[in-house]
Amino acid sequence: MNTSIPIDVAETTLDTQQEQAGSLFPFVLACQSSHATIAETVVWVAANKQDLLRQATASGAVILRGFPVHTAEDFDALISALDVPNFPYKESLSNAVRVNRTNRVFTANEAPANVDILFHHEMAQTPLYPQWIMFFCEQAAEQGGATQLCRSDWLYRQLKSECPAFIQDCEQKGLQYSNVMPDQDDAQSGMGRSWRSTLGVDSRDAAERRLADLNYSHQWLEGGCLRVTTPPLPAVMEVAPGRKTFFNQLIAAYGGWKDERNDPADAIRHGDGSRLDADAVRQAIDISEQLSFEAHWQSTDVALLDNTVAMHGRRPFVGTRKVLASLASMQTHAF
């Protein structure tokens, strides 16, 4: 890290931090300067942006603790200093309801506090996904509300050892996802974003044109709802030569895509339409929980994730929890 900037930053450790083959997860940096300003923080981030991004890819996630980030505007300034292309929420195909706070910053999933959001790679169930996802804790919950993190390369490696046939199917066939989107946003669901908002359209004809461009199949349902099915998408990604990750939405879709419109049993298939091996999926869920790191938020915490390496989720909580997010560097699936 660049040490010429007048702010004292040092690597630190957490009790539940994990390590495999000399790689720490997550990597944690703490601000040691009690009177540091957001302006100094922005200068420090700009000077160290390449190191921070490289570390996020190497470790999966970097947590910044004790930095003077207090508002959505502070968070926006910090992200801008990383100099990564903005991926606006309105241009994403995310199925979660969110509220924009700045052009780059929006609320994390607005699902009710009692909803357990399961592990997923952000937008891995769509043709468009972000390379980077950033979180900022504006206000920690009174109880619970941890963001779960899981190294997806570690998960892939263990699954390949324990469920080789399943991994082979995932690599060769990929995955298809189906979900039903409401006519209007439903903030009571973790996947309640309307088809109008998701597709960025205001009519059925425009929705059908957008779906054709994406190579989705679709069906209109009662109440103006829209059922869509993706083309086959990758289930495994090679992020570097010899380094593969279990990059998908399998765990979240199989175990958590449930509301008054959606049944997880109909949410996911292999790319050829065949059903998944239920025992292998349960094994994947169990291993991900064993590998889970729970980020117990402190107000002002910031986390930088390489979305292709680390999955994330959210534990239920009590009280007010305000965690903001930002996406960057839109990528396109190739399969």
Protein backbone atom coordinates (compact mmCIF):
# COMPACT_ATOMS: atom_id res chain seq x y z
CA MET A 1 0.00 0.00 0.00
CA ASN A 2 1.10 3.60 -0.67
CA THR A 3 2.35 5.01 2.64
CA SER A 4 3.03 8.56 1.43
CA ILE A 5 -0.55 9.70 2.09
CA PRO A 6 -1.08 11.38 5.51
CA ILE A 7 -3.42 8.74 6.92
CA ASP A 8 -2.31 5.77 9.00
CA VAL A 9 -3.73 2.46 7.77
CA ALA A 10 -2.69 -0.99 8.96
CA GLU A 11 -3.70 -4.57 8.30
CA THR A 12 -5.64 -6.09 11.18
CA THR A 13 -7.30 -9.39 12.04
CA LEU A 14 -10.74 -10.59 13.08
CA ASP A 15 -11.53 -13.56 15.34
CA THR A 16 -13.50 -15.41 12.68
CA GLN A 17 -11.16 -14.64 9.79
CA GLN A 18 -10.34 -17.70 7.67
CA GLU A 19 -7.15 -18.86 6.01
CA GLN A 20 -6.40 -21.49 3.39
CA ALA A 21 -3.02 -21.95 1.69
CA GLY A 22 -1.81 -18.63 3.06
CA SER A 23 -4.81 -16.65 1.78
CA LEU A 24 -6.79 -14.66 4.36
CA PHE A 25 -10.53 -14.19 4.00
CA PRO A 26 -11.52 -11.47 4.27
CA PHE A 27 -8.54 -9.10 4.19
CA VAL A 28 -9.04 -6.34 6.76
CA LEU A 29 -7.53 -2.84 6.87
CA ALA A 30 -8.09 -0.46 9.78
CA CYS A 31 -7.70 3.31 9.85
CA GLN A 32 -5.42 4.21 12.76
CA SER A 33 -5.78 8.00 12.38
CA SER A 34 -8.45 9.14 14.85
CA HIS A 35 -8.84 12.54 13.21
CA ALA A 36 -8.79 11.40 9.57
CA THR A 37 -11.22 13.16 7.24
CA ILE A 38 -13.21 11.79 4.34
CA ALA A 39 -11.11 13.97 2.02
CA GLU A 40 -7.92 12.29 3.29
CA THR A 41 -9.59 8.89 2.95
CA VAL A 42 -10.50 9.59 -0.66
CA VAL A 43 -6.91 10.61 -1.41
CA TRP A 44 -5.64 7.42 0.25
CA VAL A 45 -8.08 5.21 -1.69
CA ALA A 46 -7.14 6.88 -4.99
CA ALA A 47 -3.44 6.31 -4.26
CA ASN A 48 -4.03 2.65 -3.38
CA LYS A 49 -6.87 1.74 -5.75
CA GLN A 50 -4.96 -0.85 -7.75
CA ASP A 51 -3.67 -2.56 -4.61
CA LEU A 52 -7.17 -2.60 -3.11
CA LEU A 53 -8.71 -4.13 -6.22
CA ARG A 54 -5.93 -6.71 -6.56
CA GLN A 55 -6.34 -7.63 -2.89
CA ALA A 56 -10.10 -8.02 -3.31
CA THR A 57 -9.52 -10.46 -6.17
CA ALA A 58 -6.84 -12.36 -4.27
CA SER A 59 -8.79 -12.55 -0.99
CA GLY A 60 -12.36 -12.30 -2.24
CA ALA A 61 -13.16 -9.35 0.02
CA VAL A 62 -11.47 -6.37 1.66
CA ILE A 63 -13.04 -4.78 4.73
CA LEU A 64 -12.16 -1.19 5.63
CA ARG A 65 -12.81 -0.51 9.31
CA GLY A 66 -12.62 2.74 11.25
CA PHE A 67 -12.52 5.05 8.24
CA PRO A 68 -14.54 8.31 8.43
CA VAL A 69 -17.32 7.22 6.07
CA HIS A 70 -20.61 8.42 7.54
CA THR A 71 -23.02 9.18 4.71
CA ALA A 72 -24.07 7.90 1.31
CA GLU A 73 -22.20 10.85 -0.18
CA ASP A 74 -19.00 9.83 1.66
CA PHE A 75 -19.41 6.29 0.35
CA ASP A 76 -19.98 7.60 -3.17
CA ALA A 77 -16.77 9.64 -2.95
CA LEU A 78 -14.80 6.61 -1.75
CA ILE A 79 -16.13 4.44 -4.61
CA SER A 80 -15.37 7.17 -7.14
CA ALA A 81 -11.77 7.19 -5.90
CA LEU A 82 -11.48 3.52 -6.87
CA ASP A 83 -12.03 4.67 -10.46
CA VAL A 84 -14.19 1.70 -11.48
CA PRO A 85 -17.03 2.15 -14.02
CA ASN A 86 -20.42 2.64 -12.40
CA PHE A 87 -23.04 -0.08 -12.98
CA PRO A 88 -26.30 1.73 -12.08
CA TYR A 89 -29.05 -0.23 -10.37
CA LYS A 90 -31.58 0.89 -12.99
CA GLU A 91 -29.47 -0.74 -15.73
CA SER A 92 -29.16 -4.04 -13.88
CA LEU A 93 -31.42 -7.09 -14.10
CA SER A 94 -31.38 -7.55 -10.32
CA ASN A 95 -34.67 -8.97 -8.99
CA ALA A 96 -34.29 -7.15 -5.63
CA VAL A 97 -36.12 -3.95 -4.75
CA ARG A 98 -33.65 -1.16 -3.93
CA VAL A 99 -33.79 2.61 -3.43
CA ASN A 100 -31.17 4.91 -4.96
CA ARG A 101 -29.43 7.30 -2.55
CA THR A 102 -26.94 8.77 -5.07
CA ASN A 103 -26.17 7.99 -8.69
CA ARG A 104 -23.77 5.25 -7.57
CA VAL A 105 -25.24 4.23 -4.20
CA PHE A 106 -28.47 2.43 -3.35
CA THR A 107 -29.94 0.49 -0.47
CA ALA A 108 -29.09 -3.17 -0.13
CA ASN A 109 -31.97 -5.61 -0.65
CA GLU A 110 -35.12 -4.06 0.85
CA ALA A 111 -36.53 -7.45 1.88
CA PRO A 112 -38.13 -7.55 5.36
CA ALA A 113 -35.87 -8.02 8.39
CA ASN A 114 -37.00 -11.61 9.00
CA VAL A 115 -35.93 -12.78 5.53
CA ASP A 116 -32.70 -14.78 5.34
CA ILE A 117 -31.04 -13.89 2.04
CA LEU A 118 -29.01 -16.91 0.99
CA PHE A 119 -25.58 -17.03 -0.63
CA HIS A 120 -25.31 -15.74 -4.18
CA HIS A 121 -23.03 -14.01 -6.63
CA GLU A 122 -24.67 -10.72 -7.54
CA MET A 123 -26.68 -11.11 -10.75
CA ALA A 124 -25.02 -14.40 -11.71
CA GLN A 125 -28.54 -15.45 -12.77
CA THR A 126 -28.55 -12.85 -15.56
CA PRO A 127 -26.43 -12.26 -18.68
CA LEU A 128 -25.08 -9.04 -17.08
CA TYR A 129 -23.25 -8.97 -13.77
CA PRO A 130 -20.85 -6.65 -11.87
CA GLN A 131 -17.18 -7.39 -11.32
CA TRP A 132 -17.22 -5.40 -8.09
CA ILE A 133 -19.76 -4.90 -5.34
CA MET A 134 -19.22 -2.50 -2.46
CA PHE A 135 -21.12 -2.28 0.83
CA PHE A 136 -21.25 0.47 3.46
CA CYS A 137 -22.79 0.17 6.92
CA GLU A 138 -24.61 3.42 7.62
CA GLN A 139 -26.31 1.96 10.70
CA ALA A 140 -25.76 -1.48 12.22
CA ALA A 141 -28.79 -3.48 13.33
CA GLU A 142 -29.57 -3.84 17.03
CA GLN A 143 -29.30 -7.62 16.66
CA GLY A 144 -28.25 -9.84 13.77
CA GLY A 145 -28.05 -8.56 10.21
CA ALA A 146 -24.57 -9.90 9.46
CA THR A 147 -23.55 -10.08 5.83
CA GLN A 148 -22.35 -13.61 5.13
CA LEU A 149 -19.38 -14.07 2.84
CA CYS A 150 -18.06 -17.24 1.22
CA ARG A 151 -15.01 -17.84 -0.96
CA SER A 152 -16.47 -19.45 -4.06
CA ASP A 153 -13.13 -20.86 -5.24
CA TRP A 154 -12.82 -22.75 -1.96
CA LEU A 155 -16.39 -24.00 -2.38
CA TYR A 156 -15.70 -25.14 -5.95
CA ARG A 157 -12.57 -27.00 -4.92
CA GLN A 158 -14.36 -28.91 -2.15
CA LEU A 159 -17.39 -29.69 -4.29
CA LYS A 160 -15.19 -31.01 -7.08
CA SER A 161 -13.62 -33.39 -4.57
CA GLU A 162 -16.88 -34.49 -2.92
CA CYS A 163 -19.41 -34.24 -5.79
CA PRO A 164 -17.40 -34.61 -9.01
CA ALA A 165 -20.33 -35.70 -11.22
CA PHE A 166 -22.40 -32.71 -10.11
CA ILE A 167 -19.56 -30.28 -10.81
CA GLN A 168 -19.05 -31.88 -14.22
CA ASP A 169 -22.74 -31.34 -15.02
CA CYS A 170 -22.52 -27.74 -13.83
CA GLU A 171 -19.48 -27.05 -15.99
CA GLN A 172 -20.81 -28.79 -19.10
CA LYS A 173 -24.51 -27.89 -18.96
CA GLY A 174 -24.60 -24.62 -17.02
CA LEU A 175 -27.81 -23.43 -15.35
CA GLN A 176 -31.14 -21.88 -16.30
CA TYR A 177 -33.15 -19.70 -13.93
CA SER A 178 -36.89 -18.95 -13.87
CA ASN A 179 -38.73 -16.41 -11.78
CA VAL A 180 -42.02 -14.55 -11.74
CA MET A 181 -41.85 -10.77 -11.60
CA PRO A 182 -44.81 -8.71 -10.35
CA ASP A 183 -46.47 -5.89 -12.27
CA GLN A 184 -45.44 -3.42 -9.54
CA ASP A 185 -42.54 -3.49 -7.04
CA ASP A 186 -43.21 -5.70 -4.01
CA ALA A 187 -40.95 -4.59 -1.16
CA GLN A 188 -42.17 -7.49 1.00
CA SER A 189 -40.24 -9.96 -1.15
CA GLY A 190 -36.50 -10.41 -1.51
CA MET A 191 -37.14 -10.80 -5.25
CA GLY A 192 -40.01 -8.37 -5.64
CA ARG A 193 -38.71 -6.00 -8.31
CA SER A 194 -41.33 -5.49 -11.01
CA TRP A 195 -40.81 -6.46 -14.64
CA ARG A 196 -41.20 -2.82 -15.57
CA SER A 197 -38.29 -1.79 -13.33
CA THR A 198 -36.16 -4.88 -14.01
CA LEU A 199 -36.38 -4.56 -17.77
CA GLY A 200 -36.48 -0.75 -17.84
CA VAL A 201 -39.72 -0.66 -19.84
CA ASP A 202 -43.26 0.67 -19.47
CA SER A 203 -45.28 -1.66 -21.71
CA ARG A 204 -45.69 -5.35 -22.50
CA ASP A 205 -44.51 -4.86 -26.06
CA ALA A 206 -41.31 -3.18 -24.87
CA ALA A 207 -40.81 -5.94 -22.29
CA GLU A 208 -41.09 -8.62 -24.98
CA ARG A 209 -38.57 -6.83 -27.19
CA ARG A 210 -36.14 -6.54 -24.27
CA LEU A 211 -36.57 -10.23 -23.40
CA ALA A 212 -35.94 -11.20 -27.02
CA ASP A 213 -32.70 -9.20 -26.96
CA LEU A 214 -31.67 -11.10 -23.82
CA ASN A 215 -32.69 -14.48 -25.32
CA TYR A 216 -35.15 -15.07 -22.44
CA SER A 217 -38.35 -17.07 -22.84
CA HIS A 218 -41.44 -15.68 -21.12
CA GLN A 219 -45.08 -16.18 -20.19
CA TRP A 220 -47.63 -13.57 -19.09
CA LEU A 221 -49.61 -14.58 -16.02
CA GLU A 222 -52.68 -13.37 -14.13
CA GLY A 223 -52.42 -10.02 -12.39
CA GLY A 224 -49.94 -8.67 -14.89
CA CYS A 225 -47.10 -10.87 -13.61
CA LEU A 226 -44.39 -12.09 -15.95
CA ARG A 227 -42.60 -15.43 -15.77
CA VAL A 228 -39.18 -15.42 -17.45
CA THR A 229 -36.57 -18.09 -18.05
CA THR A 230 -32.97 -17.30 -18.89
CA PRO A 231 -30.89 -18.95 -21.58
CA PRO A 232 -28.27 -21.41 -20.25
CA LEU A 233 -25.73 -19.50 -18.17
CA PRO A 234 -22.38 -20.62 -16.71
CA ALA A 235 -22.32 -22.25 -13.30
CA VAL A 236 -18.52 -22.19 -12.97
CA MET A 237 -16.10 -19.40 -13.88
CA GLU A 238 -12.36 -19.55 -14.42
CA VAL A 239 -11.22 -16.27 -12.88
CA ALA A 240 -7.53 -16.97 -13.50
CA PRO A 241 -5.61 -19.88 -15.05
CA GLY A 242 -6.26 -22.86 -12.79
CA ARG A 243 -8.54 -20.90 -10.43
CA LYS A 244 -12.24 -21.66 -10.77
CA THR A 245 -15.20 -20.38 -8.77
CA PHE A 246 -18.70 -21.75 -8.25
CA PHE A 247 -20.16 -18.64 -9.87
CA ASN A 248 -23.95 -18.86 -9.92
CA GLN A 249 -27.18 -18.22 -8.00
CA LEU A 250 -27.82 -21.88 -7.27
CA ILE A 251 -27.97 -21.71 -3.48
CA ALA A 252 -30.20 -18.62 -3.38
CA ALA A 253 -32.52 -19.82 -6.13
CA TYR A 254 -32.83 -23.41 -4.88
CA GLY A 255 -33.36 -22.46 -1.25
CA GLY A 256 -34.65 -18.93 -1.18
CA TRP A 257 -36.57 -17.84 -4.27
CA LYS A 258 -39.90 -18.15 -2.53
CA ASP A 259 -42.76 -15.68 -2.26
CA GLU A 260 -46.45 -15.64 -3.23
CA ARG A 261 -45.47 -15.86 -6.91
CA ASN A 262 -42.38 -18.10 -6.83
CA ASP A 263 -41.63 -21.69 -5.83
CA PRO A 264 -37.93 -22.65 -5.48
CA ALA A 265 -38.74 -26.05 -7.00
CA ASP A 266 -39.39 -24.28 -10.31
CA ALA A 267 -36.56 -21.77 -10.08
CA ILE A 268 -33.53 -23.58 -11.44
CA ARG A 269 -32.52 -26.37 -13.84
CA HIS A 270 -29.40 -27.35 -15.69
CA GLY A 271 -29.01 -25.63 -19.02
CA ASP A 272 -30.44 -28.66 -20.85
CA GLY A 273 -33.59 -28.55 -18.70
CA SER A 274 -32.63 -31.49 -16.46
CA ARG A 275 -33.17 -31.31 -12.71
CA LEU A 276 -30.29 -30.80 -10.30
CA ASP A 277 -28.96 -33.53 -8.05
CA ALA A 278 -30.76 -32.61 -4.81
CA ASP A 279 -28.18 -34.35 -2.60
CA ALA A 280 -25.33 -32.46 -4.28
CA VAL A 281 -27.16 -29.16 -3.90
CA ARG A 282 -27.65 -29.81 -0.19
CA GLN A 283 -23.94 -30.63 0.00
CA ALA A 284 -23.14 -27.31 -1.66
CA ILE A 285 -25.34 -25.49 0.84
CA ASP A 286 -23.74 -27.31 3.79
CA ILE A 287 -20.19 -26.61 2.59
CA SER A 288 -20.96 -22.94 1.96
CA GLU A 289 -22.18 -22.63 5.54
CA GLN A 290 -19.01 -24.30 6.82
CA LEU A 291 -16.93 -21.82 4.82
CA SER A 292 -19.09 -18.85 5.80
CA PHE A 293 -17.59 -15.71 7.31
CA GLU A 294 -20.15 -13.48 9.02
CA ALA A 295 -19.35 -9.79 8.70
CA HIS A 296 -20.86 -8.32 11.86
CA TRP A 297 -21.20 -4.72 10.80
CA GLN A 298 -19.94 -1.72 12.70
CA SER A 299 -21.22 1.65 11.55
CA THR A 300 -18.80 3.21 8.98
CA ASP A 301 -17.53 -0.23 7.82
CA VAL A 302 -16.94 -0.56 4.08
CA ALA A 303 -16.49 -3.85 2.21
CA LEU A 304 -15.11 -4.30 -1.30
CA LEU A 305 -15.91 -7.66 -2.93
CA ASP A 306 -14.75 -9.21 -6.16
CA ASN A 307 -18.15 -10.57 -7.14
CA THR A 308 -16.59 -13.36 -9.21
CA VAL A 309 -14.71 -14.71 -6.18
CA ALA A 310 -16.90 -14.12 -3.11
CA MET A 311 -20.58 -14.89 -2.58
CA HIS A 312 -22.64 -12.92 -0.07
CA GLY A 313 -25.93 -13.17 1.80
CA ARG A 314 -27.77 -11.53 4.70
CA ARG A 315 -28.85 -12.80 8.09
CA PRO A 316 -32.22 -11.73 9.58
CA PHE A 317 -32.05 -8.84 12.03
CA VAL A 318 -33.85 -6.84 14.69
CA GLY A 319 -34.05 -3.05 14.67
CA THR A 320 -33.01 -0.62 11.97
CA ARG A 321 -30.29 -1.79 9.62
CA LYS A 322 -29.00 0.54 6.93
CA VAL A 323 -26.47 -1.05 4.61
CA LEU A 324 -25.86 0.63 1.28
CA ALA A 325 -24.39 -0.91 -1.85
CA SER A 326 -22.84 -0.04 -5.18
CA LEU A 327 -22.01 -2.05 -8.29
CA ALA A 328 -19.19 -1.49 -10.76
CA SER A 329 -17.69 -2.79 -13.99
CA MET A 330 -20.51 -4.55 -15.83
CA GLN A 331 -19.50 -7.88 -17.38
CA THR A 332 -21.28 -10.12 -19.89
CA HIS A 333 -21.55 -13.89 -19.63
CA ALA A 334 -20.01 -15.95 -22.37
CA PHE A 335 -21.32 -19.53 -22.60
